[in-house]
Amino acid sequence: MIRANEEEGSSVTWGICKKGENKIIGSICLWNLDPENGIAELGYSIYWENWGKGYMTEAAEAVIEFGFNAMGVYIIQAFSQIENIASVKMLQRFGFVQTGVDGKYTIFAKCQTPKDAIQLETERLFMREATIADAPFFLELLNTPDWLANIGDRGVRNMEDAHRFVIHRIFLNCRKNGFGSYLIEQKSDGTCIGFCGLYKRDFLEDFDIGYAFLPPYYGKGYATEAAQAVLNLAKNKIGLERLKAFCTEKNKPSQRVLEKIGLRFERNFIAPGDEEELMLWGVKF
């Protein structure tokens, strides 16, 4: 089974031996490989006589490094039985975070941003890809009254939800297209204040630009500054020919931002699964 899975490209498995010995005392693998999205699952087991000696921690460190740096994986997931405290602690030691529960298993994940990931810089802002470590910021942002009113409820209520949001809605979007959402930090003190990026919606032919900020940073020109940087990225580096954006009729501040960066109102529309009419904006480069 192991050989067959390796031949079809769905897993890679190693036997674990003590140095100087040829007897396998455990195994460790990267399986459920998803090359399209750069996802792998870490699995491991070791004979009970070798528990508590650090062998699995040593092996896992090597395999995680191999997955990220040699195989080009972006996300490694792991399932650990809830009561297996030693396994849970090992995953947390390596920076894995909890993303859910499946029956008797706790689900963990760890992401690694590529070294060549896009970074943007403006006069007052630094913009980079979000990581799992930014989950507390998104938990706060996605529950602000303006986000819920103008963008919608994403069901992010706790840190576990926020981890999943960052992985599946932010991180994988960047991996799929080579660009996506960028966390916005103030240069002055490194505070996370919002995010801005490019998105491909099923109901729009072109990419669109979207942004959101925490309330204390409204009215300071940050949205215009960040949106202009993302528009320049779309036009000059990515080479998009057109760019869209949409907002609600009541969101006047967002409309002003779009006008400032050169987008013009095109028409009203209703997105699939939505009830509120939206304003569609666009620009052709």
C-alpha atoms as a PDB file:
ATOM      1  CA  MET A   1       0.000   0.000   0.000  1.00  0.00           C
ATOM      2  CA  ILE A   2       2.821   2.404   0.881  1.00  0.00           C
ATOM      3  CA  ARG A   3       4.673   1.664  -2.375  1.00  0.00           C
ATOM      4  CA  ALA A   4       1.466   2.015  -4.423  1.00  0.00           C
ATOM      5  CA  ASN A   5       0.639   5.358  -2.838  1.00  0.00           C
ATOM      6  CA  GLU A   6       4.148   6.635  -3.538  1.00  0.00           C
ATOM      7  CA  GLU A   7       3.979   5.488  -7.164  1.00  0.00           C
ATOM      8  CA  GLU A   8       0.699   7.322  -7.726  1.00  0.00           C
ATOM      9  CA  GLY A   9       2.101  10.420  -6.017  1.00  0.00           C
ATOM     10  CA  SER A  10      -0.327  10.568  -3.099  1.00  0.00           C
ATOM     11  CA  SER A  11       2.215  10.086  -0.292  1.00  0.00           C
ATOM     12  CA  VAL A  12       5.847   9.817   0.757  1.00  0.00           C
ATOM     13  CA  THR A  13       6.688   7.547   3.714  1.00  0.00           C
ATOM     14  CA  TRP A  14       9.891   7.100   5.712  1.00  0.00           C
ATOM     15  CA  GLY A  15      10.831   4.402   8.192  1.00  0.00           C
ATOM     16  CA  ILE A  16      12.448   5.681  11.398  1.00  0.00           C
ATOM     17  CA  CYS A  17      15.610   3.918  12.626  1.00  0.00           C
ATOM     18  CA  LYS A  18      18.083   4.740  15.325  1.00  0.00           C
ATOM     19  CA  LYS A  19      21.456   5.650  13.838  1.00  0.00           C
ATOM     20  CA  GLY A  20      23.697   2.607  13.498  1.00  0.00           C
ATOM     21  CA  GLU A  21      20.720   0.240  13.504  1.00  0.00           C
ATOM     22  CA  ASN A  22      18.604  -1.096  10.656  1.00  0.00           C
ATOM     23  CA  LYS A  23      15.488  -1.891  12.664  1.00  0.00           C
ATOM     24  CA  ILE A  24      12.446   0.314  12.021  1.00  0.00           C
ATOM     25  CA  ILE A  25      10.995   1.683  15.253  1.00  0.00           C
ATOM     26  CA  GLY A  26       8.340   3.884  13.658  1.00  0.00           C
ATOM     27  CA  SER A  27       7.211   5.609  10.473  1.00  0.00           C
ATOM     28  CA  ILE A  28       6.387   9.123   9.349  1.00  0.00           C
ATOM     29  CA  CYS A  29       4.803  10.351   6.130  1.00  0.00           C
ATOM     30  CA  LEU A  30       3.464  13.224   4.109  1.00  0.00           C
ATOM     31  CA  TRP A  31       0.258  11.962   2.544  1.00  0.00           C
ATOM     32  CA  ASN A  32      -3.053  13.122   1.051  1.00  0.00           C
ATOM     33  CA  LEU A  33      -0.820  15.230  -1.181  1.00  0.00           C
ATOM     34  CA  ASP A  34      -2.606  18.029  -3.050  1.00  0.00           C
ATOM     35  CA  PRO A  35       0.012  19.503  -5.417  1.00  0.00           C
ATOM     36  CA  GLU A  36      -2.455  21.936  -6.977  1.00  0.00           C
ATOM     37  CA  ASN A  37      -2.960  23.753  -3.674  1.00  0.00           C
ATOM     38  CA  GLY A  38       0.401  22.823  -2.117  1.00  0.00           C
ATOM     39  CA  ILE A  39      -1.160  20.889   0.763  1.00  0.00           C
ATOM     40  CA  ALA A  40       0.113  17.754   2.535  1.00  0.00           C
ATOM     41  CA  GLU A  41      -0.898  15.894   5.675  1.00  0.00           C
ATOM     42  CA  LEU A  42       1.655  14.803   8.272  1.00  0.00           C
ATOM     43  CA  GLY A  43       1.181  11.324   9.720  1.00  0.00           C
ATOM     44  CA  TYR A  44       3.376   9.420  12.186  1.00  0.00           C
ATOM     45  CA  SER A  45       3.545   6.509  14.606  1.00  0.00           C
ATOM     46  CA  ILE A  46       6.256   4.930  16.726  1.00  0.00           C
ATOM     47  CA  TYR A  47       6.531   1.680  18.675  1.00  0.00           C
ATOM     48  CA  TRP A  48       5.488   2.205  22.280  1.00  0.00           C
ATOM     49  CA  GLU A  49       8.894   1.241  23.729  1.00  0.00           C
ATOM     50  CA  ASN A  50      10.313   4.404  22.141  1.00  0.00           C
ATOM     51  CA  TRP A  51       7.698   6.837  23.394  1.00  0.00           C
ATOM     52  CA  GLY A  52       8.875   9.853  25.354  1.00  0.00           C
ATOM     53  CA  LYS A  53      12.452   9.804  24.043  1.00  0.00           C
ATOM     54  CA  GLY A  54      12.152  12.637  21.512  1.00  0.00           C
ATOM     55  CA  TYR A  55      12.603  10.409  18.458  1.00  0.00           C
ATOM     56  CA  MET A  56       9.342  11.496  16.810  1.00  0.00           C
ATOM     57  CA  THR A  57      10.044  15.165  17.463  1.00  0.00           C
ATOM     58  CA  GLU A  58      13.409  14.763  15.754  1.00  0.00           C
ATOM     59  CA  ALA A  59      11.893  12.936  12.796  1.00  0.00           C
ATOM     60  CA  ALA A  60       8.974  15.352  12.452  1.00  0.00           C
ATOM     61  CA  GLU A  61      11.296  18.363  12.363  1.00  0.00           C
ATOM     62  CA  ALA A  62      13.182  16.852   9.423  1.00  0.00           C
ATOM     63  CA  VAL A  63      10.029  15.869   7.510  1.00  0.00           C
ATOM     64  CA  ILE A  64       8.325  19.228   8.022  1.00  0.00           C
ATOM     65  CA  GLU A  65      11.450  20.993   6.751  1.00  0.00           C
ATOM     66  CA  PHE A  66      11.567  18.623   3.772  1.00  0.00           C
ATOM     67  CA  GLY A  67       7.924  19.209   2.949  1.00  0.00           C
ATOM     68  CA  PHE A  68       8.171  22.984   2.941  1.00  0.00           C
ATOM     69  CA  ASN A  69      11.623  23.445   1.415  1.00  0.00           C
ATOM     70  CA  ALA A  70      12.202  20.396  -0.821  1.00  0.00           C
ATOM     71  CA  MET A  71       8.682  19.430  -1.898  1.00  0.00           C
ATOM     72  CA  GLY A  72       7.389  22.991  -2.172  1.00  0.00           C
ATOM     73  CA  VAL A  73       4.393  22.393   0.090  1.00  0.00           C
ATOM     74  CA  TYR A  74       2.721  25.529   1.475  1.00  0.00           C
ATOM     75  CA  ILE A  75       0.380  23.978   4.051  1.00  0.00           C
ATOM     76  CA  ILE A  76       0.945  20.906   6.223  1.00  0.00           C
ATOM     77  CA  GLN A  77      -2.041  19.552   8.128  1.00  0.00           C
ATOM     78  CA  ALA A  78      -2.071  16.974  10.905  1.00  0.00           C
ATOM     79  CA  PHE A  79      -4.752  15.045  12.782  1.00  0.00           C
ATOM     80  CA  SER A  80      -4.048  14.084  16.384  1.00  0.00           C
ATOM     81  CA  GLN A  81      -6.287  12.166  18.747  1.00  0.00           C
ATOM     82  CA  ILE A  82      -7.654  14.634  21.269  1.00  0.00           C
ATOM     83  CA  GLU A  83      -6.346  12.682  24.244  1.00  0.00           C
ATOM     84  CA  ASN A  84      -2.849  12.265  22.756  1.00  0.00           C
ATOM     85  CA  ILE A  85      -1.321  15.147  24.694  1.00  0.00           C
ATOM     86  CA  ALA A  86       2.256  14.336  23.649  1.00  0.00           C
ATOM     87  CA  SER A  87       1.326  14.523  19.960  1.00  0.00           C
ATOM     88  CA  VAL A  88      -0.597  17.751  20.427  1.00  0.00           C
ATOM     89  CA  LYS A  89       2.295  19.376  22.284  1.00  0.00           C
ATOM     90  CA  MET A  90       4.749  18.301  19.581  1.00  0.00           C
ATOM     91  CA  LEU A  91       2.655  19.887  16.822  1.00  0.00           C
ATOM     92  CA  GLN A  92       2.235  23.095  18.819  1.00  0.00           C
ATOM     93  CA  ARG A  93       5.992  23.185  19.401  1.00  0.00           C
ATOM     94  CA  PHE A  94       6.471  23.290  15.631  1.00  0.00           C
ATOM     95  CA  GLY A  95       3.988  26.146  15.206  1.00  0.00           C
ATOM     96  CA  PHE A  96       0.901  24.159  14.183  1.00  0.00           C
ATOM     97  CA  VAL A  97      -2.404  25.772  15.158  1.00  0.00           C
ATOM     98  CA  GLN A  98      -5.789  24.186  15.751  1.00  0.00           C
ATOM     99  CA  THR A  99      -8.228  24.585  12.858  1.00  0.00           C
ATOM    100  CA  GLY A 100     -11.020  22.218  13.867  1.00  0.00           C
ATOM    101  CA  VAL A 101     -12.192  18.964  15.397  1.00  0.00           C
ATOM    102  CA  ASP A 102     -13.231  15.847  13.476  1.00  0.00           C
ATOM    103  CA  GLY A 103     -14.718  13.261  15.805  1.00  0.00           C
ATOM    104  CA  LYS A 104     -11.981  12.101  18.168  1.00  0.00           C
ATOM    105  CA  TYR A 105      -9.293  14.033  16.279  1.00  0.00           C
ATOM    106  CA  THR A 106      -8.061  17.602  16.610  1.00  0.00           C
ATOM    107  CA  ILE A 107      -7.064  19.143  13.276  1.00  0.00           C
ATOM    108  CA  PHE A 108      -3.891  21.218  13.088  1.00  0.00           C
ATOM    109  CA  ALA A 109      -2.192  23.170  10.292  1.00  0.00           C
ATOM    110  CA  LYS A 110       1.017  25.042   9.628  1.00  0.00           C
ATOM    111  CA  CYS A 111       1.687  27.379   6.672  1.00  0.00           C
ATOM    112  CA  GLN A 112       4.891  28.675   5.152  1.00  0.00           C
ATOM    113  CA  THR A 113       4.879  31.738   2.928  1.00  0.00           C
ATOM    114  CA  PRO A 114       7.194  31.489  -0.124  1.00  0.00           C
ATOM    115  CA  LYS A 115      10.356  33.545   0.060  1.00  0.00           C
ATOM    116  CA  ASP A 116       9.423  35.322  -3.190  1.00  0.00           C
ATOM    117  CA  ALA A 117       5.972  36.382  -1.930  1.00  0.00           C
ATOM    118  CA  ILE A 118       4.918  39.848  -3.054  1.00  0.00           C
ATOM    119  CA  GLN A 119       5.479  42.730  -0.652  1.00  0.00           C
ATOM    120  CA  LEU A 120       4.307  46.290  -1.177  1.00  0.00           C
ATOM    121  CA  GLU A 121       5.392  49.540   0.393  1.00  0.00           C
ATOM    122  CA  THR A 122       3.943  53.042   0.412  1.00  0.00           C
ATOM    123  CA  GLU A 123       4.879  56.243   2.193  1.00  0.00           C
ATOM    124  CA  ARG A 124       3.231  55.198   5.471  1.00  0.00           C
ATOM    125  CA  LEU A 125       2.417  51.519   5.006  1.00  0.00           C
ATOM    126  CA  PHE A 126       4.050  48.125   4.613  1.00  0.00           C
ATOM    127  CA  MET A 127       1.946  45.396   2.961  1.00  0.00           C
ATOM    128  CA  ARG A 128       2.664  41.667   3.096  1.00  0.00           C
ATOM    129  CA  GLU A 129       0.919  38.321   2.836  1.00  0.00           C
ATOM    130  CA  ALA A 130      -1.037  37.321   5.920  1.00  0.00           C
ATOM    131  CA  THR A 131       0.043  34.298   7.947  1.00  0.00           C
ATOM    132  CA  ILE A 132      -1.704  32.155  10.547  1.00  0.00           C
ATOM    133  CA  ALA A 133      -0.077  34.336  13.202  1.00  0.00           C
ATOM    134  CA  ASP A 134      -2.348  37.160  11.974  1.00  0.00           C
ATOM    135  CA  ALA A 135      -5.517  35.259  12.928  1.00  0.00           C
ATOM    136  CA  PRO A 136      -6.206  37.491  16.003  1.00  0.00           C
ATOM    137  CA  PHE A 137      -6.319  40.530  13.723  1.00  0.00           C
ATOM    138  CA  PHE A 138      -8.841  38.893  11.393  1.00  0.00           C
ATOM    139  CA  LEU A 139     -10.952  37.705  14.313  1.00  0.00           C
ATOM    140  CA  GLU A 140     -11.261  41.323  15.417  1.00  0.00           C
ATOM    141  CA  LEU A 141     -11.766  42.807  11.935  1.00  0.00           C
ATOM    142  CA  LEU A 142     -14.399  40.328  10.750  1.00  0.00           C
ATOM    143  CA  ASN A 143     -16.588  41.086  13.747  1.00  0.00           C
ATOM    144  CA  THR A 144     -16.551  44.877  13.516  1.00  0.00           C
ATOM    145  CA  PRO A 145     -20.003  46.432  12.871  1.00  0.00           C
ATOM    146  CA  ASP A 146     -18.928  47.947   9.534  1.00  0.00           C
ATOM    147  CA  TRP A 147     -17.554  44.630   8.217  1.00  0.00           C
ATOM    148  CA  LEU A 148     -20.765  42.824   9.155  1.00  0.00           C
ATOM    149  CA  ALA A 149     -22.915  45.583   7.617  1.00  0.00           C
ATOM    150  CA  ASN A 150     -20.963  46.293   4.423  1.00  0.00           C
ATOM    151  CA  ILE A 151     -19.206  43.025   3.614  1.00  0.00           C
ATOM    152  CA  GLY A 152     -21.072  40.266   5.422  1.00  0.00           C
ATOM    153  CA  ASP A 153     -20.905  37.751   8.236  1.00  0.00           C
ATOM    154  CA  ARG A 154     -18.203  35.145   7.592  1.00  0.00           C
ATOM    155  CA  GLY A 155     -19.064  33.124  10.705  1.00  0.00           C
ATOM    156  CA  VAL A 156     -15.678  33.753  12.329  1.00  0.00           C
ATOM    157  CA  ARG A 157     -16.365  33.645  16.046  1.00  0.00           C
ATOM    158  CA  ASN A 158     -13.217  32.229  17.643  1.00  0.00           C
ATOM    159  CA  MET A 159      -9.533  31.674  16.988  1.00  0.00           C
ATOM    160  CA  GLU A 160     -10.156  28.295  15.372  1.00  0.00           C
ATOM    161  CA  ASP A 161     -12.531  29.936  12.867  1.00  0.00           C
ATOM    162  CA  ALA A 162      -9.965  32.691  12.252  1.00  0.00           C
ATOM    163  CA  HIS A 163      -7.222  30.141  11.534  1.00  0.00           C
ATOM    164  CA  ARG A 164      -9.427  28.459   8.931  1.00  0.00           C
ATOM    165  CA  PHE A 165     -10.328  31.823   7.389  1.00  0.00           C
ATOM    166  CA  VAL A 166      -6.691  32.834   6.992  1.00  0.00           C
ATOM    167  CA  ILE A 167      -5.725  29.474   5.487  1.00  0.00           C
ATOM    168  CA  HIS A 168      -8.626  28.958   3.079  1.00  0.00           C
ATOM    169  CA  ARG A 169      -9.725  32.502   2.235  1.00  0.00           C
ATOM    170  CA  ILE A 170      -6.440  34.418   2.382  1.00  0.00           C
ATOM    171  CA  PHE A 171      -3.384  32.150   2.170  1.00  0.00           C
ATOM    172  CA  LEU A 172      -4.645  29.718  -0.508  1.00  0.00           C
ATOM    173  CA  ASN A 173      -5.930  32.604  -2.621  1.00  0.00           C
ATOM    174  CA  CYS A 174      -2.368  33.926  -2.864  1.00  0.00           C
ATOM    175  CA  ARG A 175      -1.029  30.468  -3.741  1.00  0.00           C
ATOM    176  CA  LYS A 176      -3.658  29.866  -6.431  1.00  0.00           C
ATOM    177  CA  ASN A 177      -3.084  33.115  -8.321  1.00  0.00           C
ATOM    178  CA  GLY A 178       0.403  34.145  -7.232  1.00  0.00           C
ATOM    179  CA  PHE A 179      -1.120  37.240  -5.647  1.00  0.00           C
ATOM    180  CA  GLY A 180      -4.054  38.045  -3.409  1.00  0.00           C
ATOM    181  CA  SER A 181      -4.665  39.741  -0.043  1.00  0.00           C
ATOM    182  CA  TYR A 182      -2.047  41.804   1.752  1.00  0.00           C
ATOM    183  CA  LEU A 183      -2.028  42.653   5.417  1.00  0.00           C
ATOM    184  CA  ILE A 184      -1.429  46.344   6.029  1.00  0.00           C
ATOM    185  CA  GLU A 185       0.936  47.497   8.768  1.00  0.00           C
ATOM    186  CA  GLN A 186       1.811  51.009   9.843  1.00  0.00           C
ATOM    187  CA  LYS A 187       5.477  51.682   9.190  1.00  0.00           C
ATOM    188  CA  SER A 188       5.679  53.761  12.325  1.00  0.00           C
ATOM    189  CA  ASP A 189       4.986  50.952  14.794  1.00  0.00           C
ATOM    190  CA  GLY A 190       4.147  47.760  12.853  1.00  0.00           C
ATOM    191  CA  THR A 191       0.491  47.748  13.955  1.00  0.00           C
ATOM    192  CA  CYS A 192      -1.872  45.717  11.731  1.00  0.00           C
ATOM    193  CA  ILE A 193      -4.597  48.107  10.630  1.00  0.00           C
ATOM    194  CA  GLY A 194      -6.329  46.437   7.667  1.00  0.00           C
ATOM    195  CA  PHE A 195      -5.894  44.442   4.490  1.00  0.00           C
ATOM    196  CA  CYS A 196      -6.241  45.052   0.766  1.00  0.00           C
ATOM    197  CA  GLY A 197      -5.907  42.764  -2.216  1.00  0.00           C
ATOM    198  CA  LEU A 198      -7.044  41.275  -5.509  1.00  0.00           C
ATOM    199  CA  TYR A 199      -9.740  38.627  -5.759  1.00  0.00           C
ATOM    200  CA  LYS A 200     -11.310  36.458  -8.465  1.00  0.00           C
ATOM    201  CA  ARG A 201     -15.020  35.982  -7.896  1.00  0.00           C
ATOM    202  CA  ASP A 202     -17.034  33.382  -9.756  1.00  0.00           C
ATOM    203  CA  PHE A 203     -19.648  35.995 -10.659  1.00  0.00           C
ATOM    204  CA  LEU A 204     -17.195  38.528 -12.148  1.00  0.00           C
ATOM    205  CA  GLU A 205     -15.193  38.139 -15.335  1.00  0.00           C
ATOM    206  CA  ASP A 206     -12.285  40.243 -14.066  1.00  0.00           C
ATOM    207  CA  PHE A 207     -10.313  40.449 -10.823  1.00  0.00           C
ATOM    208  CA  ASP A 208     -11.596  42.947  -8.299  1.00  0.00           C
ATOM    209  CA  ILE A 209      -9.940  44.996  -5.583  1.00  0.00           C
ATOM    210  CA  GLY A 210     -11.162  44.805  -1.995  1.00  0.00           C
ATOM    211  CA  TYR A 211     -10.094  46.351   1.310  1.00  0.00           C
ATOM    212  CA  ALA A 212     -11.120  46.711   4.934  1.00  0.00           C
ATOM    213  CA  PHE A 213      -9.706  48.501   7.987  1.00  0.00           C
ATOM    214  CA  LEU A 214     -10.183  48.550  11.721  1.00  0.00           C
ATOM    215  CA  PRO A 215     -12.354  51.539  12.810  1.00  0.00           C
ATOM    216  CA  PRO A 216      -9.564  53.522  14.566  1.00  0.00           C
ATOM    217  CA  TYR A 217      -7.834  53.927  11.188  1.00  0.00           C
ATOM    218  CA  TYR A 218     -10.752  55.320   9.198  1.00  0.00           C
ATOM    219  CA  GLY A 219     -10.467  58.746   7.622  1.00  0.00           C
ATOM    220  CA  LYS A 220      -6.678  58.871   7.530  1.00  0.00           C
ATOM    221  CA  GLY A 221      -6.191  58.139   3.818  1.00  0.00           C
ATOM    222  CA  TYR A 222      -4.849  54.639   4.472  1.00  0.00           C
ATOM    223  CA  ALA A 223      -7.445  52.922   2.264  1.00  0.00           C
ATOM    224  CA  THR A 224      -6.614  55.140  -0.714  1.00  0.00           C
ATOM    225  CA  GLU A 225      -2.880  54.661  -0.156  1.00  0.00           C
ATOM    226  CA  ALA A 226      -3.139  50.877   0.048  1.00  0.00           C
ATOM    227  CA  ALA A 227      -5.654  50.530  -2.791  1.00  0.00           C
ATOM    228  CA  GLN A 228      -3.452  52.613  -5.087  1.00  0.00           C
ATOM    229  CA  ALA A 229      -0.494  50.327  -4.340  1.00  0.00           C
ATOM    230  CA  VAL A 230      -2.566  47.239  -5.182  1.00  0.00           C
ATOM    231  CA  LEU A 231      -3.908  48.864  -8.353  1.00  0.00           C
ATOM    232  CA  ASN A 232      -0.334  49.652  -9.444  1.00  0.00           C
ATOM    233  CA  LEU A 233       0.590  46.014  -8.763  1.00  0.00           C
ATOM    234  CA  ALA A 234      -2.307  44.802 -10.904  1.00  0.00           C
ATOM    235  CA  LYS A 235      -1.432  47.128 -13.758  1.00  0.00           C
ATOM    236  CA  ASN A 236       2.367  47.217 -13.819  1.00  0.00           C
ATOM    237  CA  LYS A 237       3.539  43.872 -12.407  1.00  0.00           C
ATOM    238  CA  ILE A 238       0.721  41.391 -12.896  1.00  0.00           C
ATOM    239  CA  GLY A 239      -0.372  42.879 -16.197  1.00  0.00           C
ATOM    240  CA  LEU A 240      -4.138  42.875 -15.749  1.00  0.00           C
ATOM    241  CA  GLU A 241      -6.012  44.745 -18.462  1.00  0.00           C
ATOM    242  CA  ARG A 242      -9.065  45.574 -16.368  1.00  0.00           C
ATOM    243  CA  LEU A 243      -9.913  45.788 -12.693  1.00  0.00           C
ATOM    244  CA  LYS A 244     -13.278  45.815 -10.946  1.00  0.00           C
ATOM    245  CA  ALA A 245     -14.583  46.656  -7.473  1.00  0.00           C
ATOM    246  CA  PHE A 246     -17.960  46.624  -5.814  1.00  0.00           C
ATOM    247  CA  CYS A 247     -19.567  48.105  -2.726  1.00  0.00           C
ATOM    248  CA  THR A 248     -22.966  48.886  -1.306  1.00  0.00           C
ATOM    249  CA  GLU A 249     -24.863  52.070  -2.123  1.00  0.00           C
ATOM    250  CA  LYS A 250     -24.590  53.201   1.507  1.00  0.00           C
ATOM    251  CA  ASN A 251     -20.818  52.752   1.702  1.00  0.00           C
ATOM    252  CA  LYS A 252     -19.886  56.283   0.657  1.00  0.00           C
ATOM    253  CA  PRO A 253     -16.299  56.192   2.023  1.00  0.00           C
ATOM    254  CA  SER A 254     -15.498  53.180  -0.160  1.00  0.00           C
ATOM    255  CA  GLN A 255     -16.998  54.905  -3.201  1.00  0.00           C
ATOM    256  CA  ARG A 256     -14.737  57.898  -2.620  1.00  0.00           C
ATOM    257  CA  VAL A 257     -11.671  55.635  -2.402  1.00  0.00           C
ATOM    258  CA  LEU A 258     -12.551  53.964  -5.705  1.00  0.00           C
ATOM    259  CA  GLU A 259     -13.007  57.324  -7.408  1.00  0.00           C
ATOM    260  CA  LYS A 260      -9.642  58.565  -6.096  1.00  0.00           C
ATOM    261  CA  ILE A 261      -7.731  55.597  -7.551  1.00  0.00           C
ATOM    262  CA  GLY A 262      -9.407  55.964 -10.945  1.00  0.00           C
ATOM    263  CA  LEU A 263     -12.321  53.505 -10.978  1.00  0.00           C
ATOM    264  CA  ARG A 264     -15.684  54.621 -12.337  1.00  0.00           C
ATOM    265  CA  PHE A 265     -19.200  53.434 -11.576  1.00  0.00           C
ATOM    266  CA  GLU A 266     -20.506  51.032 -14.238  1.00  0.00           C
ATOM    267  CA  ARG A 267     -23.816  49.537 -13.103  1.00  0.00           C
ATOM    268  CA  ASN A 268     -25.797  48.055 -10.236  1.00  0.00           C
ATOM    269  CA  PHE A 269     -26.064  44.299  -9.822  1.00  0.00           C
ATOM    270  CA  ILE A 270     -26.998  41.595  -7.338  1.00  0.00           C
ATOM    271  CA  ALA A 271     -24.397  38.926  -6.603  1.00  0.00           C
ATOM    272  CA  PRO A 272     -25.498  35.264  -6.597  1.00  0.00           C
ATOM    273  CA  GLY A 273     -26.851  34.248  -3.212  1.00  0.00           C
ATOM    274  CA  ASP A 274     -27.186  37.866  -2.094  1.00  0.00           C
ATOM    275  CA  GLU A 275     -30.225  40.095  -1.779  1.00  0.00           C
ATOM    276  CA  GLU A 276     -28.742  43.580  -1.533  1.00  0.00           C
ATOM    277  CA  GLU A 277     -28.020  45.480  -4.709  1.00  0.00           C
ATOM    278  CA  LEU A 278     -24.355  46.360  -5.214  1.00  0.00           C
ATOM    279  CA  MET A 279     -22.537  49.013  -7.194  1.00  0.00           C
ATOM    280  CA  LEU A 280     -20.006  47.716  -9.745  1.00  0.00           C
ATOM    281  CA  TRP A 281     -16.980  49.885 -10.491  1.00  0.00           C
ATOM    282  CA  GLY A 282     -14.213  49.358 -13.038  1.00  0.00           C
ATOM    283  CA  VAL A 283     -11.160  50.667 -14.838  1.00  0.00           C
ATOM    284  CA  LYS A 284      -9.426  49.639 -18.061  1.00  0.00           C
ATOM    285  CA  PHE A 285      -5.646  50.049 -18.157  1.00  0.00           C
END
